[in-house]
Amino acid sequence: MAAATVLSASLMGWLLARHRVPRARAAAVWAAVALCTELTAGRASFTVALPAAFGCVLAAGTRPRAGSRWRARAKTAAVVMLALLTTMLSPVAGLFLAAAAAAPRSWSAATGGRGCTWGLPPRSR
């Protein structure tokens, strides 16, 4: 469970840095402290499912190279498999992942339309 906490904290830091969050390091440290409370609370299934959920979010945010059809399919397969793994490990974490994937596009208006809709990055025109 401690390994899942460390992996979750590092994936959260990577996610924050990738999206250029101001003070990403401070936010990552805060997330790590918050994740350490999961160790003391004894919610093992949720704690173990978090790395798969963060991996799913990170995989959904990557863009394959232009013209690379098999990489796009591999990315989609990775996202689906990580989402299924998250749900199998903890239904609550799977529910939170589904809620994050179903966020409407209007919520991304504050970021200039760069947000995700249905868990997928916006299409380039």
C-alpha atoms as a PDB file:
ATOM      1  CA  MET A   1       0.000   0.000   0.000  1.00  0.00           C
ATOM      2  CA  ALA A   2       2.913   2.340   0.678  1.00  0.00           C
ATOM      3  CA  ALA A   3       4.230   1.714  -2.855  1.00  0.00           C
ATOM      4  CA  ALA A   4       0.819   2.656  -4.279  1.00  0.00           C
ATOM      5  CA  THR A   5       0.880   5.877  -2.260  1.00  0.00           C
ATOM      6  CA  VAL A   6       4.347   6.821  -3.509  1.00  0.00           C
ATOM      7  CA  LEU A   7       3.396   5.960  -7.097  1.00  0.00           C
ATOM      8  CA  SER A   8       0.165   7.978  -6.816  1.00  0.00           C
ATOM      9  CA  ALA A   9       2.036  10.997  -5.471  1.00  0.00           C
ATOM     10  CA  SER A  10       4.621  10.859  -8.256  1.00  0.00           C
ATOM     11  CA  LEU A  11       1.965  10.465 -10.962  1.00  0.00           C
ATOM     12  CA  MET A  12       0.020  13.366  -9.460  1.00  0.00           C
ATOM     13  CA  GLY A  13       3.167  15.519  -9.541  1.00  0.00           C
ATOM     14  CA  TRP A  14       3.762  14.537 -13.168  1.00  0.00           C
ATOM     15  CA  LEU A  15       0.159  15.373 -14.047  1.00  0.00           C
ATOM     16  CA  LEU A  16       0.401  18.771 -12.370  1.00  0.00           C
ATOM     17  CA  ALA A  17       3.712  19.584 -14.074  1.00  0.00           C
ATOM     18  CA  ARG A  18       2.411  18.468 -17.476  1.00  0.00           C
ATOM     19  CA  HIS A  19      -0.517  20.883 -17.266  1.00  0.00           C
ATOM     20  CA  ARG A  20       1.717  23.712 -16.060  1.00  0.00           C
ATOM     21  CA  VAL A  21      -0.083  24.237 -12.787  1.00  0.00           C
ATOM     22  CA  PRO A  22       1.348  27.204 -10.872  1.00  0.00           C
ATOM     23  CA  ARG A  23       3.437  25.975  -7.932  1.00  0.00           C
ATOM     24  CA  ALA A  24       3.185  22.385  -9.104  1.00  0.00           C
ATOM     25  CA  ARG A  25       5.820  21.175  -6.649  1.00  0.00           C
ATOM     26  CA  ALA A  26       3.954  22.603  -3.651  1.00  0.00           C
ATOM     27  CA  ALA A  27       0.707  21.066  -4.927  1.00  0.00           C
ATOM     28  CA  ALA A  28       2.447  17.706  -5.424  1.00  0.00           C
ATOM     29  CA  VAL A  29       3.811  17.794  -1.863  1.00  0.00           C
ATOM     30  CA  TRP A  30       0.346  18.639  -0.567  1.00  0.00           C
ATOM     31  CA  ALA A  31      -1.113  15.737  -2.553  1.00  0.00           C
ATOM     32  CA  ALA A  32       1.549  13.412  -1.161  1.00  0.00           C
ATOM     33  CA  VAL A  33       0.685  14.435   2.401  1.00  0.00           C
ATOM     34  CA  ALA A  34      -3.004  13.936   1.656  1.00  0.00           C
ATOM     35  CA  LEU A  35      -2.312  10.517   0.143  1.00  0.00           C
ATOM     36  CA  CYS A  36      -0.384   9.509   3.261  1.00  0.00           C
ATOM     37  CA  THR A  37      -3.615   9.859   5.201  1.00  0.00           C
ATOM     38  CA  GLU A  38      -4.938   6.982   3.091  1.00  0.00           C
ATOM     39  CA  LEU A  39      -2.304   4.774   4.706  1.00  0.00           C
ATOM     40  CA  THR A  40      -3.594   5.538   8.175  1.00  0.00           C
ATOM     41  CA  ALA A  41      -7.267   5.338   7.207  1.00  0.00           C
ATOM     42  CA  GLY A  42      -6.954   1.759   5.993  1.00  0.00           C
ATOM     43  CA  ARG A  43      -8.771   2.223   2.697  1.00  0.00           C
ATOM     44  CA  ALA A  44      -6.591  -0.256   0.884  1.00  0.00           C
ATOM     45  CA  SER A  45      -8.674  -0.815  -2.248  1.00  0.00           C
ATOM     46  CA  PHE A  46      -9.031   2.906  -2.991  1.00  0.00           C
ATOM     47  CA  THR A  47      -5.334   3.537  -2.326  1.00  0.00           C
ATOM     48  CA  VAL A  48      -4.270   0.720  -4.635  1.00  0.00           C
ATOM     49  CA  ALA A  49      -6.634   1.933  -7.396  1.00  0.00           C
ATOM     50  CA  LEU A  50      -5.302   5.504  -7.421  1.00  0.00           C
ATOM     51  CA  PRO A  51      -2.134   4.823  -9.472  1.00  0.00           C
ATOM     52  CA  ALA A  52      -4.232   3.147 -12.175  1.00  0.00           C
ATOM     53  CA  ALA A  53      -6.616   6.108 -12.193  1.00  0.00           C
ATOM     54  CA  PHE A  54      -3.795   8.662 -12.440  1.00  0.00           C
ATOM     55  CA  GLY A  55      -2.187   6.555 -15.175  1.00  0.00           C
ATOM     56  CA  CYS A  56      -5.479   6.539 -17.057  1.00  0.00           C
ATOM     57  CA  VAL A  57      -5.732  10.320 -16.847  1.00  0.00           C
ATOM     58  CA  LEU A  58      -2.128  10.728 -17.987  1.00  0.00           C
ATOM     59  CA  ALA A  59      -2.612   8.297 -20.885  1.00  0.00           C
ATOM     60  CA  ALA A  60      -5.791  10.070 -21.985  1.00  0.00           C
ATOM     61  CA  GLY A  61      -3.964  13.396 -22.075  1.00  0.00           C
ATOM     62  CA  THR A  62      -1.173  12.264 -24.401  1.00  0.00           C
ATOM     63  CA  ARG A  63      -1.330  12.829 -28.130  1.00  0.00           C
ATOM     64  CA  PRO A  64       0.037  10.234 -30.540  1.00  0.00           C
ATOM     65  CA  ARG A  65       2.091  11.387 -33.508  1.00  0.00           C
ATOM     66  CA  ALA A  66       0.181  12.555 -36.537  1.00  0.00           C
ATOM     67  CA  GLY A  67      -0.516   9.734 -38.965  1.00  0.00           C
ATOM     68  CA  SER A  68       0.266   7.027 -36.441  1.00  0.00           C
ATOM     69  CA  ARG A  69      -2.926   5.015 -36.383  1.00  0.00           C
ATOM     70  CA  TRP A  70      -1.607   2.068 -34.361  1.00  0.00           C
ATOM     71  CA  ARG A  71      -0.288   4.365 -31.631  1.00  0.00           C
ATOM     72  CA  ALA A  72      -3.700   6.016 -31.368  1.00  0.00           C
ATOM     73  CA  ARG A  73      -5.292   2.591 -31.004  1.00  0.00           C
ATOM     74  CA  ALA A  74      -2.697   1.545 -28.438  1.00  0.00           C
ATOM     75  CA  LYS A  75      -3.389   4.736 -26.463  1.00  0.00           C
ATOM     76  CA  THR A  76      -7.118   4.058 -26.523  1.00  0.00           C
ATOM     77  CA  ALA A  77      -6.551   0.474 -25.431  1.00  0.00           C
ATOM     78  CA  ALA A  78      -4.284   1.645 -22.579  1.00  0.00           C
ATOM     79  CA  VAL A  79      -6.883   4.156 -21.390  1.00  0.00           C
ATOM     80  CA  VAL A  80      -9.659   1.563 -21.476  1.00  0.00           C
ATOM     81  CA  MET A  81      -7.565  -1.079 -19.702  1.00  0.00           C
ATOM     82  CA  LEU A  82      -6.453   1.341 -16.974  1.00  0.00           C
ATOM     83  CA  ALA A  83     -10.052   2.512 -16.479  1.00  0.00           C
ATOM     84  CA  LEU A  84     -11.210  -1.092 -16.143  1.00  0.00           C
ATOM     85  CA  LEU A  85      -8.361  -1.877 -13.748  1.00  0.00           C
ATOM     86  CA  THR A  86      -9.271   1.169 -11.651  1.00  0.00           C
ATOM     87  CA  THR A  87     -12.897   0.060 -11.448  1.00  0.00           C
ATOM     88  CA  MET A  88     -11.981  -3.531 -10.618  1.00  0.00           C
ATOM     89  CA  LEU A  89      -9.647  -2.447  -7.819  1.00  0.00           C
ATOM     90  CA  SER A  90     -12.083   0.068  -6.334  1.00  0.00           C
ATOM     91  CA  PRO A  91     -15.572   0.856  -7.624  1.00  0.00           C
ATOM     92  CA  VAL A  92     -15.444   4.216  -5.831  1.00  0.00           C
ATOM     93  CA  ALA A  93     -12.230   5.199  -7.634  1.00  0.00           C
ATOM     94  CA  GLY A  94     -13.814   4.031 -10.894  1.00  0.00           C
ATOM     95  CA  LEU A  95     -16.815   6.238 -10.203  1.00  0.00           C
ATOM     96  CA  PHE A  96     -14.564   9.243  -9.563  1.00  0.00           C
ATOM     97  CA  LEU A  97     -12.655   8.488 -12.772  1.00  0.00           C
ATOM     98  CA  ALA A  98     -15.920   8.306 -14.728  1.00  0.00           C
ATOM     99  CA  ALA A  99     -17.025  11.631 -13.247  1.00  0.00           C
ATOM    100  CA  ALA A 100     -13.740  13.219 -14.298  1.00  0.00           C
ATOM    101  CA  ALA A 101     -14.073  11.765 -17.796  1.00  0.00           C
ATOM    102  CA  ALA A 102     -17.628  13.057 -18.169  1.00  0.00           C
ATOM    103  CA  ALA A 103     -16.780  16.660 -17.345  1.00  0.00           C
ATOM    104  CA  PRO A 104     -18.518  18.921 -19.845  1.00  0.00           C
ATOM    105  CA  ARG A 105     -16.537  21.104 -22.243  1.00  0.00           C
ATOM    106  CA  SER A 106     -17.988  24.260 -20.682  1.00  0.00           C
ATOM    107  CA  TRP A 107     -15.838  23.670 -17.612  1.00  0.00           C
ATOM    108  CA  SER A 108     -12.751  24.067 -19.761  1.00  0.00           C
ATOM    109  CA  ALA A 109     -13.786  27.534 -20.943  1.00  0.00           C
ATOM    110  CA  ALA A 110     -11.657  29.078 -18.209  1.00  0.00           C
ATOM    111  CA  THR A 111      -8.566  27.381 -19.665  1.00  0.00           C
ATOM    112  CA  GLY A 112      -9.172  28.698 -23.168  1.00  0.00           C
ATOM    113  CA  GLY A 113     -10.816  25.503 -24.422  1.00  0.00           C
ATOM    114  CA  ARG A 114      -7.782  23.334 -23.714  1.00  0.00           C
ATOM    115  CA  GLY A 115      -9.629  21.068 -21.288  1.00  0.00           C
ATOM    116  CA  CYS A 116     -10.810  17.542 -21.883  1.00  0.00           C
ATOM    117  CA  THR A 117     -14.288  16.417 -22.836  1.00  0.00           C
ATOM    118  CA  TRP A 118     -15.342  12.849 -22.108  1.00  0.00           C
ATOM    119  CA  GLY A 119     -11.787  12.103 -21.032  1.00  0.00           C
ATOM    120  CA  LEU A 120     -10.297  12.806 -24.450  1.00  0.00           C
ATOM    121  CA  PRO A 121      -8.199  15.808 -25.521  1.00  0.00           C
ATOM    122  CA  PRO A 122      -9.858  18.257 -27.916  1.00  0.00           C
ATOM    123  CA  ARG A 123      -9.409  17.551 -31.614  1.00  0.00           C
ATOM    124  CA  SER A 124      -7.012  19.739 -33.554  1.00  0.00           C
ATOM    125  CA  ARG A 125      -8.605  21.479 -36.488  1.00  0.00           C
END
